[in-house]
Amino acid sequence: MTAHAALAGLRTAVLALGDLGRSPRATYHVEALARHGAQVAFVGYRGTPLPEALRCHPRVHVAEFDPPSRRHTDRLGLAATRLGYLAAALVDTVSLSGRTTHELNRGGPFDLLIVQTPPAVPSLALAQYVARRDGARLIIDWHNFTHSLIALDRRAVAATACTVAGYERLLSRTAHHHLCVSNAMRDVLHQWGASNVTTFHDQPSHSFRPLAEPERQIERARLLDELGFRGEVGRARLVVSSTSYTKDERLDWLLDALVEARRSVQTDPESAAPVCVVVTGKGAGSEEFRAQLRSLQSRIEPTFQVLTAWLNLSDYAALLGCADLGLSLHKSASGVDIPMKLLDMIGAALPIAALDYSPCLWERLDSDCGLTFGGPDELAGLLHQCFFAPAGAARLAEMRRRLRQSPLASWTEHWSEIVLPVVARLAATLEC
């Protein structure tokens, strides 16, 4: 039996307790499983709309529900204290467990579950329960470690992160297989005692592609106009940074770097070609960032103009395709995850400047096509070299040329090579 045939009619669930429309890796799992003939329940939060082709796919059932509401705990001011933070987390966990179990019960029984983590709580325990109940095979897809993210929150009790770390280690030994985003993460899982761990690097989706030069200029003019850029579009250079405004992203370094780079420009600021920096994304920290930006605006402009936006997929892909430089300000909580934004930029042949947080970054970033920095001063230096030094434009053009010449495999090809054989082997054990 071929691997493709092994999936025909396989009853599967992909559990991702986050906004499904902003969970690209989980979405790609669903698309690939359905393409190979599996019946798929996609379970997670309602939010950003999913692609219509996925929502209307005859073998895909989307089970969306609203995320836990914090309005009651916020009204009481609980989440602002450490004990309140813990109480709110417990309330959310109980509520979320009940709703998720309900959706999984409606769609089951299953032959295979793929659970995305973070969040590990309550995802891993619920997936383990359903797998045991149904006699299903369980795959955990690790993007990061939940205990590392909890440790970033100053409201969290230290013991909470330690408890969750133990929970993750324990349940990592109960899955039939693991996928993870880096070799460094695979090594940590092995240290925990997990077996059958496969590195499955993220790949750019088909939406992210290089643009021919005429198309780049047309899209740049359109997007700068729609985003409200103030200035001569034809002279502007374009930088993009996508973000979820989470605590493991150093957006404060971006603002500090822009202030320093603005100070270093020797020419008359009014005569220097402006650099438009587009920060695109959603997240709880967006208002805080905008407040910081307003307070520093006079020290950044007119050399730099920072615009914030939330773009749909097609406009975001076009933005990456027509930008001059992509910024990754991700500072990994665990030190072993790799942000998908890097792969989106590589797919669009966009030169990258990335915060160098760990050696695992180099599993996906090529030194010929990407630059790294360790702090705001180094980022300021890179911005000056790229946009105000004589050889800057030529350097970026050469990086873009190399990216065009060495495209990564598509998500579809990579999934078929790495994940399809794993799923087929697990499906075969159901017959034994």
Protein backbone atom coordinates (compact mmCIF):
# COMPACT_ATOMS: atom_id res chain seq x y z
CA MET A 1 0.00 0.00 0.00
CA THR A 2 1.34 3.44 -0.91
CA ALA A 3 1.65 6.21 1.69
CA HIS A 4 -1.08 8.14 -0.11
CA ALA A 5 -3.44 5.16 -0.06
CA ALA A 6 -2.81 4.63 3.65
CA LEU A 7 -4.46 7.98 4.43
CA ALA A 8 -7.64 7.44 2.40
CA GLY A 9 -10.58 7.66 4.79
CA LEU A 10 -8.33 8.10 7.86
CA ARG A 11 -10.27 9.94 10.57
CA THR A 12 -7.99 12.68 11.83
CA ALA A 13 -8.12 15.74 14.06
CA VAL A 14 -5.74 18.69 14.10
CA LEU A 15 -5.99 20.55 17.42
CA ALA A 16 -4.56 24.07 17.58
CA LEU A 17 -5.79 26.11 20.55
CA GLY A 18 -5.14 29.46 18.94
CA ASP A 19 -6.70 31.59 16.21
CA LEU A 20 -7.03 29.01 13.41
CA GLY A 21 -6.68 31.67 10.72
CA ARG A 22 -3.32 32.67 12.20
CA SER A 23 -2.04 29.10 12.63
CA PRO A 24 -0.39 28.49 9.25
CA ARG A 25 1.50 25.32 10.19
CA ALA A 26 -1.66 23.66 11.53
CA THR A 27 -3.56 24.84 8.45
CA TYR A 28 -0.97 23.25 6.18
CA HIS A 29 -1.32 19.95 8.07
CA VAL A 30 -5.08 20.04 7.48
CA GLU A 31 -4.68 20.85 3.77
CA ALA A 32 -2.13 18.07 3.27
CA LEU A 33 -4.11 15.42 5.14
CA ALA A 34 -7.28 16.25 3.18
CA ARG A 35 -5.37 16.26 -0.10
CA HIS A 36 -4.22 12.70 0.62
CA GLY A 37 -7.76 11.52 1.31
CA ALA A 38 -8.09 11.81 5.10
CA GLN A 39 -11.20 13.15 6.84
CA VAL A 40 -10.04 16.05 9.02
CA ALA A 41 -11.56 17.90 11.97
CA PHE A 42 -9.78 21.22 12.50
CA VAL A 43 -10.35 22.34 16.10
CA GLY A 44 -9.39 25.71 17.59
CA TYR A 45 -10.38 29.34 18.13
CA ARG A 46 -12.60 31.42 15.91
CA GLY A 47 -10.87 34.56 14.67
CA THR A 48 -9.11 35.38 11.42
CA PRO A 49 -11.04 33.86 8.49
CA LEU A 50 -9.65 30.64 7.07
CA PRO A 51 -9.08 30.29 3.32
CA GLU A 52 -12.39 29.60 1.59
CA ALA A 53 -10.98 26.55 -0.17
CA LEU A 54 -10.21 24.97 3.20
CA ARG A 55 -13.48 25.94 4.83
CA CYS A 56 -15.47 24.47 1.93
CA HIS A 57 -13.33 21.35 1.46
CA PRO A 58 -15.61 18.26 1.51
CA ARG A 59 -13.20 16.32 3.74
CA VAL A 60 -12.55 19.12 6.26
CA HIS A 61 -14.78 19.97 9.21
CA VAL A 62 -13.85 23.22 10.95
CA ALA A 63 -14.82 23.24 14.64
CA GLU A 64 -14.24 26.81 15.81
CA PHE A 65 -15.18 28.36 19.13
CA ASP A 66 -14.48 31.61 20.91
CA PRO A 67 -11.34 31.81 23.06
CA PRO A 68 -11.78 32.08 26.85
CA SER A 69 -13.01 35.51 27.86
CA ARG A 70 -10.96 37.41 30.41
CA ARG A 71 -13.56 40.10 30.96
CA HIS A 72 -14.58 38.83 34.42
CA THR A 73 -11.06 38.49 35.75
CA ASP A 74 -10.04 41.78 34.16
CA ARG A 75 -13.00 43.54 35.78
CA LEU A 76 -11.87 42.29 39.18
CA GLY A 77 -8.25 43.17 38.49
CA LEU A 78 -7.17 39.58 39.15
CA ALA A 79 -4.86 39.17 36.17
CA ALA A 80 -2.69 42.05 37.38
CA THR A 81 -1.48 40.09 40.41
CA ARG A 82 0.47 36.85 40.56
CA LEU A 83 -2.20 34.94 42.43
CA GLY A 84 -4.84 36.50 40.20
CA TYR A 85 -2.86 35.48 37.14
CA LEU A 86 -2.82 31.89 38.41
CA ALA A 87 -6.54 31.98 39.26
CA ALA A 88 -7.41 33.37 35.80
CA ALA A 89 -5.27 30.69 34.16
CA LEU A 90 -7.04 27.94 36.11
CA VAL A 91 -10.48 29.31 35.21
CA ASP A 92 -9.47 29.50 31.55
CA THR A 93 -8.06 25.96 31.61
CA VAL A 94 -11.25 24.45 33.04
CA SER A 95 -13.45 26.36 30.59
CA LEU A 96 -11.23 25.58 27.64
CA SER A 97 -10.96 21.89 28.51
CA GLY A 98 -14.72 21.48 28.57
CA ARG A 99 -15.30 23.28 25.26
CA THR A 100 -12.44 21.53 23.46
CA THR A 101 -13.50 18.10 24.69
CA HIS A 102 -17.03 18.82 23.48
CA GLU A 103 -15.80 19.64 19.97
CA LEU A 104 -13.53 16.59 19.87
CA ASN A 105 -16.39 14.37 21.02
CA ARG A 106 -18.62 15.72 18.26
CA GLY A 107 -16.03 14.95 15.57
CA GLY A 108 -14.74 11.62 16.84
CA PRO A 109 -13.83 8.86 17.14
CA PHE A 110 -10.46 9.46 15.50
CA ASP A 111 -7.65 7.32 14.14
CA LEU A 112 -5.00 10.05 14.34
CA LEU A 113 -4.57 13.30 16.29
CA ILE A 114 -2.04 16.03 15.57
CA VAL A 115 -1.85 18.55 18.42
CA GLN A 116 -0.02 21.85 18.08
CA THR A 117 1.85 23.18 21.09
CA PRO A 118 2.09 25.81 22.57
CA PRO A 119 -0.20 25.96 24.32
CA ALA A 120 0.62 22.72 26.10
CA VAL A 121 -2.08 23.38 28.72
CA PRO A 122 -4.59 21.87 28.28
CA SER A 123 -3.85 20.70 24.70
CA LEU A 124 -1.45 17.86 25.47
CA ALA A 125 -3.57 16.31 28.23
CA LEU A 126 -6.78 16.55 26.18
CA ALA A 127 -5.14 15.04 23.11
CA GLN A 128 -3.69 12.22 25.21
CA TYR A 129 -7.13 11.53 26.72
CA VAL A 130 -8.88 11.41 23.32
CA ALA A 131 -6.12 9.26 21.80
CA ARG A 132 -6.43 6.70 24.60
CA ARG A 133 -10.22 6.74 24.44
CA ASP A 134 -10.33 6.21 20.67
CA GLY A 135 -7.25 4.00 20.33
CA ALA A 136 -5.84 6.71 18.07
CA ARG A 137 -2.24 7.55 17.22
CA LEU A 138 -0.98 10.85 18.64
CA ILE A 139 1.52 13.24 17.05
CA ILE A 140 2.67 16.31 18.98
CA ASP A 141 3.85 19.18 16.78
CA TRP A 142 6.18 21.37 18.86
CA HIS A 143 6.63 25.03 17.89
CA ASN A 144 8.09 26.10 21.23
CA PHE A 145 7.84 25.22 24.92
CA THR A 146 4.95 26.59 26.96
CA HIS A 147 6.95 26.79 30.19
CA SER A 148 9.48 29.08 28.47
CA LEU A 149 6.74 31.47 27.39
CA ILE A 150 5.17 31.49 30.86
CA ALA A 151 8.55 32.38 32.37
CA LEU A 152 8.57 35.61 30.30
CA ASP A 153 5.45 36.91 32.07
CA ARG A 154 6.35 38.80 35.23
CA ARG A 155 2.91 38.07 36.67
CA ALA A 156 3.49 34.32 36.61
CA VAL A 157 4.49 32.53 39.81
CA ALA A 158 7.89 30.89 39.27
CA ALA A 159 6.52 27.55 40.41
CA THR A 160 3.96 27.70 37.57
CA ALA A 161 6.64 27.60 34.88
CA CYS A 162 8.41 24.74 36.70
CA THR A 163 5.15 22.79 37.01
CA VAL A 164 4.32 23.25 33.32
CA ALA A 165 7.86 22.21 32.38
CA GLY A 166 7.37 18.94 34.28
CA TYR A 167 3.96 18.46 32.63
CA GLU A 168 5.48 18.96 29.16
CA ARG A 169 8.33 16.54 29.87
CA LEU A 170 5.95 13.90 31.21
CA LEU A 171 3.47 14.05 28.33
CA SER A 172 6.24 14.22 25.72
CA ARG A 173 6.94 10.56 26.55
CA THR A 174 3.38 9.44 25.81
CA ALA A 175 3.00 10.43 22.15
CA HIS A 176 3.52 8.00 19.28
CA HIS A 177 5.55 10.56 17.32
CA HIS A 178 6.80 14.14 17.56
CA LEU A 179 7.40 16.83 14.98
CA CYS A 180 9.42 19.94 15.84
CA VAL A 181 10.65 23.07 14.09
CA SER A 182 14.41 22.75 14.63
CA ASN A 183 17.17 20.22 15.20
CA ALA A 184 17.99 22.03 18.44
CA MET A 185 14.41 21.44 19.67
CA ARG A 186 14.67 17.79 18.65
CA ASP A 187 17.76 17.45 20.84
CA VAL A 188 15.92 18.91 23.84
CA LEU A 189 12.99 16.52 23.34
CA HIS A 190 15.42 13.61 23.24
CA GLN A 191 16.90 14.83 26.52
CA TRP A 192 13.40 14.76 28.01
CA GLY A 193 13.07 11.09 27.07
CA ALA A 194 10.81 11.53 24.04
CA SER A 195 11.26 9.01 21.26
CA ASN A 196 10.40 9.11 17.55
CA VAL A 197 11.18 12.80 17.08
CA THR A 198 11.38 14.21 13.54
CA THR A 199 12.55 17.71 12.66
CA PHE A 200 10.00 19.24 10.31
CA HIS A 201 11.24 22.69 9.39
CA ASP A 202 8.70 25.29 8.35
CA GLN A 203 8.63 26.14 4.66
CA PRO A 204 7.22 29.17 2.84
CA SER A 205 3.72 28.70 1.48
CA HIS A 206 2.94 29.19 -2.20
CA SER A 207 1.61 32.67 -1.36
CA PHE A 208 5.15 33.97 -0.76
CA ARG A 209 7.09 34.29 -3.98
CA PRO A 210 9.59 36.66 -5.57
CA LEU A 211 8.11 39.48 -7.64
CA ALA A 212 9.51 40.61 -10.97
CA GLU A 213 10.88 44.15 -10.87
CA PRO A 214 7.96 45.88 -12.66
CA GLU A 215 5.49 44.14 -10.34
CA ARG A 216 7.59 45.07 -7.30
CA GLN A 217 7.40 48.75 -8.16
CA ILE A 218 3.65 48.65 -8.86
CA GLU A 219 2.88 46.82 -5.61
CA ARG A 220 5.18 49.08 -3.61
CA ALA A 221 3.43 52.21 -4.89
CA ARG A 222 -0.01 50.71 -4.19
CA LEU A 223 0.78 49.52 -0.68
CA LEU A 224 2.61 52.67 0.42
CA ASP A 225 -0.33 54.73 -0.77
CA GLU A 226 -2.89 52.50 0.99
CA LEU A 227 -0.86 52.42 4.21
CA GLY A 228 -0.73 56.22 4.34
CA PHE A 229 2.95 56.85 3.59
CA ARG A 230 3.70 60.57 3.60
CA GLY A 231 6.34 61.36 1.02
CA GLU A 232 7.59 60.64 -2.47
CA VAL A 233 6.88 56.96 -3.08
CA GLY A 234 9.42 56.67 -5.88
CA ARG A 235 12.34 57.58 -3.58
CA ALA A 236 11.28 55.61 -0.52
CA ARG A 237 13.02 52.45 0.71
CA LEU A 238 10.82 49.87 2.36
CA VAL A 239 11.43 47.76 5.48
CA VAL A 240 8.89 45.31 6.92
CA SER A 241 8.66 43.58 10.28
CA SER A 242 5.78 41.22 11.09
CA THR A 243 4.92 40.69 14.72
CA SER A 244 2.38 39.29 17.17
CA TYR A 245 3.44 41.90 19.76
CA THR A 246 4.44 39.13 22.17
CA LYS A 247 6.99 39.31 24.98
CA ASP A 248 9.56 37.34 22.99
CA GLU A 249 9.86 40.08 20.35
CA ARG A 250 12.13 43.09 20.90
CA LEU A 251 10.16 45.85 19.22
CA ASP A 252 11.69 48.28 21.71
CA TRP A 253 15.05 47.54 20.09
CA LEU A 254 13.62 48.57 16.73
CA LEU A 255 12.63 51.99 18.04
CA ASP A 256 15.97 52.47 19.79
CA ALA A 257 17.77 51.47 16.58
CA LEU A 258 15.77 53.92 14.48
CA VAL A 259 16.63 56.77 16.85
CA GLU A 260 20.32 55.87 16.69
CA ALA A 261 20.33 55.39 12.91
CA ARG A 262 18.54 58.72 12.43
CA ARG A 263 21.26 60.38 14.51
CA SER A 264 24.00 58.80 12.39
CA VAL A 265 22.73 60.13 9.06
CA GLN A 266 25.19 62.84 8.09
CA THR A 267 23.26 64.37 5.22
CA ASP A 268 20.40 66.78 5.64
CA PRO A 269 17.52 64.59 6.94
CA GLU A 270 15.16 66.38 4.60
CA SER A 271 17.25 65.41 1.54
CA ALA A 272 17.93 61.78 2.49
CA ALA A 273 15.63 59.27 0.78
CA PRO A 274 13.10 58.25 3.44
CA VAL A 275 12.90 54.72 4.81
CA CYS A 276 9.38 53.48 5.45
CA VAL A 277 9.21 50.83 8.19
CA VAL A 278 5.96 48.84 8.16
CA VAL A 279 5.20 46.89 11.34
CA THR A 280 2.37 44.50 10.54
CA GLY A 281 0.50 42.20 12.88
CA LYS A 282 -1.97 41.87 15.74
CA GLY A 283 -1.47 41.34 19.44
CA ALA A 284 -2.12 42.52 22.96
CA GLY A 285 1.00 44.68 23.02
CA SER A 286 0.17 46.72 19.93
CA GLU A 287 -1.18 49.76 21.79
CA GLU A 288 1.87 49.88 24.04
CA PHE A 289 4.12 49.84 20.97
CA ARG A 290 2.15 52.62 19.29
CA ALA A 291 2.42 54.73 22.44
CA GLN A 292 6.20 54.25 22.48
CA LEU A 293 6.33 55.12 18.79
CA ARG A 294 4.42 58.37 19.32
CA SER A 295 6.78 59.42 22.08
CA LEU A 296 9.83 58.91 19.81
CA GLN A 297 8.38 60.07 16.50
CA SER A 298 10.12 63.44 16.50
CA ARG A 299 13.50 61.70 16.98
CA ILE A 300 12.88 59.25 14.11
CA GLU A 301 11.30 61.33 11.36
CA PRO A 302 11.76 62.41 8.63
CA THR A 303 14.55 59.88 7.98
CA PHE A 304 12.32 57.00 9.06
CA GLN A 305 8.57 56.76 8.91
CA VAL A 306 6.99 53.92 10.93
CA LEU A 307 3.56 52.66 9.93
CA THR A 308 1.56 49.96 11.74
CA ALA A 309 -0.98 47.80 9.96
CA TRP A 310 -2.80 44.48 9.83
CA LEU A 311 -2.82 43.10 6.29
CA ASN A 312 -4.67 40.24 4.67
CA LEU A 313 -2.57 37.37 3.31
CA SER A 314 -2.37 38.58 -0.28
CA ASP A 315 -1.33 42.11 0.72
CA TYR A 316 1.18 40.78 3.27
CA ALA A 317 2.73 38.52 0.62
CA ALA A 318 2.90 41.47 -1.78
CA LEU A 319 4.51 43.62 0.94
CA LEU A 320 7.27 41.07 1.46
CA GLY A 321 7.75 40.74 -2.28
CA CYS A 322 8.27 44.47 -2.83
CA ALA A 323 10.18 45.40 0.35
CA ASP A 324 13.94 46.03 0.47
CA LEU A 325 14.63 44.45 3.86
CA GLY A 326 12.77 42.21 6.29
CA LEU A 327 13.33 42.48 10.04
CA SER A 328 12.92 39.65 12.53
CA LEU A 329 12.91 40.88 16.12
CA HIS A 330 12.04 37.47 17.55
CA LYS A 331 14.04 36.60 20.67
CA SER A 332 13.16 33.00 21.36
CA ALA A 333 11.89 32.22 24.85
CA SER A 334 13.30 28.71 24.60
CA GLY A 335 16.26 29.42 22.33
CA VAL A 336 15.28 26.53 20.04
CA ASP A 337 12.30 27.74 17.98
CA ILE A 338 12.47 29.42 14.57
CA PRO A 339 9.86 32.05 13.63
CA MET A 340 7.84 31.30 10.52
CA LYS A 341 8.19 34.92 9.42
CA LEU A 342 11.75 34.10 8.36
CA LEU A 343 10.46 31.46 5.96
CA ASP A 344 7.85 33.85 4.54
CA MET A 345 10.62 36.36 3.83
CA ILE A 346 12.89 33.74 2.27
CA GLY A 347 10.02 32.56 0.07
CA ALA A 348 9.57 36.15 -1.18
CA ALA A 349 13.34 36.48 -1.80
CA LEU A 350 13.47 39.30 0.76
CA PRO A 351 16.88 40.00 2.37
CA ILE A 352 16.66 39.55 6.14
CA ALA A 353 18.12 41.21 9.21
CA ALA A 354 17.40 38.94 12.18
CA LEU A 355 18.05 39.12 15.89
CA ASP A 356 20.69 36.44 16.52
CA TYR A 357 19.21 34.70 19.56
CA SER A 358 20.55 31.17 19.08
CA PRO A 359 22.68 28.97 16.80
CA CYS A 360 19.45 27.25 15.68
CA LEU A 361 18.67 30.38 13.65
CA TRP A 362 21.31 29.27 11.16
CA GLU A 363 19.38 26.08 10.43
CA ARG A 364 17.25 28.26 8.14
CA LEU A 365 19.19 31.50 7.61
CA ASP A 366 22.07 31.63 5.13
CA SER A 367 24.84 34.11 5.87
CA ASP A 368 24.95 35.05 2.17
CA CYS A 369 21.32 36.09 2.21
CA GLY A 370 20.76 37.29 5.77
CA LEU A 371 22.26 39.68 8.30
CA THR A 372 22.13 39.36 12.08
CA PHE A 373 22.35 41.74 15.02
CA GLY A 374 22.67 41.30 18.75
CA GLY A 375 21.17 44.56 20.00
CA PRO A 376 19.74 47.94 18.97
CA ASP A 377 23.17 49.48 18.28
CA GLU A 378 24.04 46.70 15.84
CA LEU A 379 20.63 46.97 14.18
CA ALA A 380 21.16 50.73 13.78
CA GLY A 381 24.50 49.98 12.12
CA LEU A 382 22.89 47.53 9.70
CA LEU A 383 20.17 50.01 8.76
CA HIS A 384 22.82 52.66 8.10
CA GLN A 385 24.88 50.26 5.97
CA CYS A 386 21.88 49.13 3.94
CA PHE A 387 20.23 52.50 3.30
CA PHE A 388 22.76 55.29 3.76
CA ALA A 389 26.12 53.75 2.79
CA PRO A 390 27.19 53.91 -0.88
CA ALA A 391 27.24 50.12 -1.35
CA GLY A 392 24.02 49.43 0.55
CA ALA A 393 21.64 49.12 -2.41
CA ALA A 394 24.04 46.82 -4.27
CA ARG A 395 24.43 44.62 -1.19
CA LEU A 396 20.68 44.16 -0.82
CA ALA A 397 20.29 43.48 -4.56
CA GLU A 398 22.95 40.75 -4.38
CA MET A 399 21.23 39.13 -1.40
CA ARG A 400 17.93 39.17 -3.26
CA ARG A 401 19.56 37.61 -6.34
CA ARG A 402 20.99 34.74 -4.26
CA LEU A 403 17.64 34.09 -2.63
CA ARG A 404 15.98 33.91 -6.04
CA GLN A 405 18.59 31.41 -7.22
CA SER A 406 18.16 29.06 -4.23
CA PRO A 407 14.43 28.68 -3.55
CA LEU A 408 13.34 26.41 -0.71
CA ALA A 409 11.12 23.40 -1.28
CA SER A 410 7.42 24.15 -1.14
CA TRP A 411 5.36 23.27 1.92
CA THR A 412 3.55 20.60 -0.11
CA GLU A 413 6.78 18.92 -1.22
CA HIS A 414 8.32 19.08 2.25
CA TRP A 415 5.20 17.66 3.97
CA SER A 416 5.03 14.78 1.50
CA GLU A 417 8.71 14.01 2.08
CA ILE A 418 8.78 14.26 5.90
CA VAL A 419 5.31 13.93 7.41
CA LEU A 420 3.45 11.70 4.96
CA PRO A 421 5.67 8.64 5.67
CA VAL A 422 5.24 9.19 9.44
CA VAL A 423 1.45 9.36 9.19
CA ALA A 424 1.35 6.35 6.85
CA ARG A 425 3.43 4.23 9.28
CA LEU A 426 1.18 5.17 12.18
CA ALA A 427 -1.94 4.45 10.11
CA ALA A 428 -0.56 1.00 9.29
CA THR A 429 -0.30 0.17 13.01
CA LEU A 430 -4.05 0.71 13.38
CA GLU A 431 -4.62 -2.46 11.37
CA CYS A 432 -2.45 -4.58 13.67
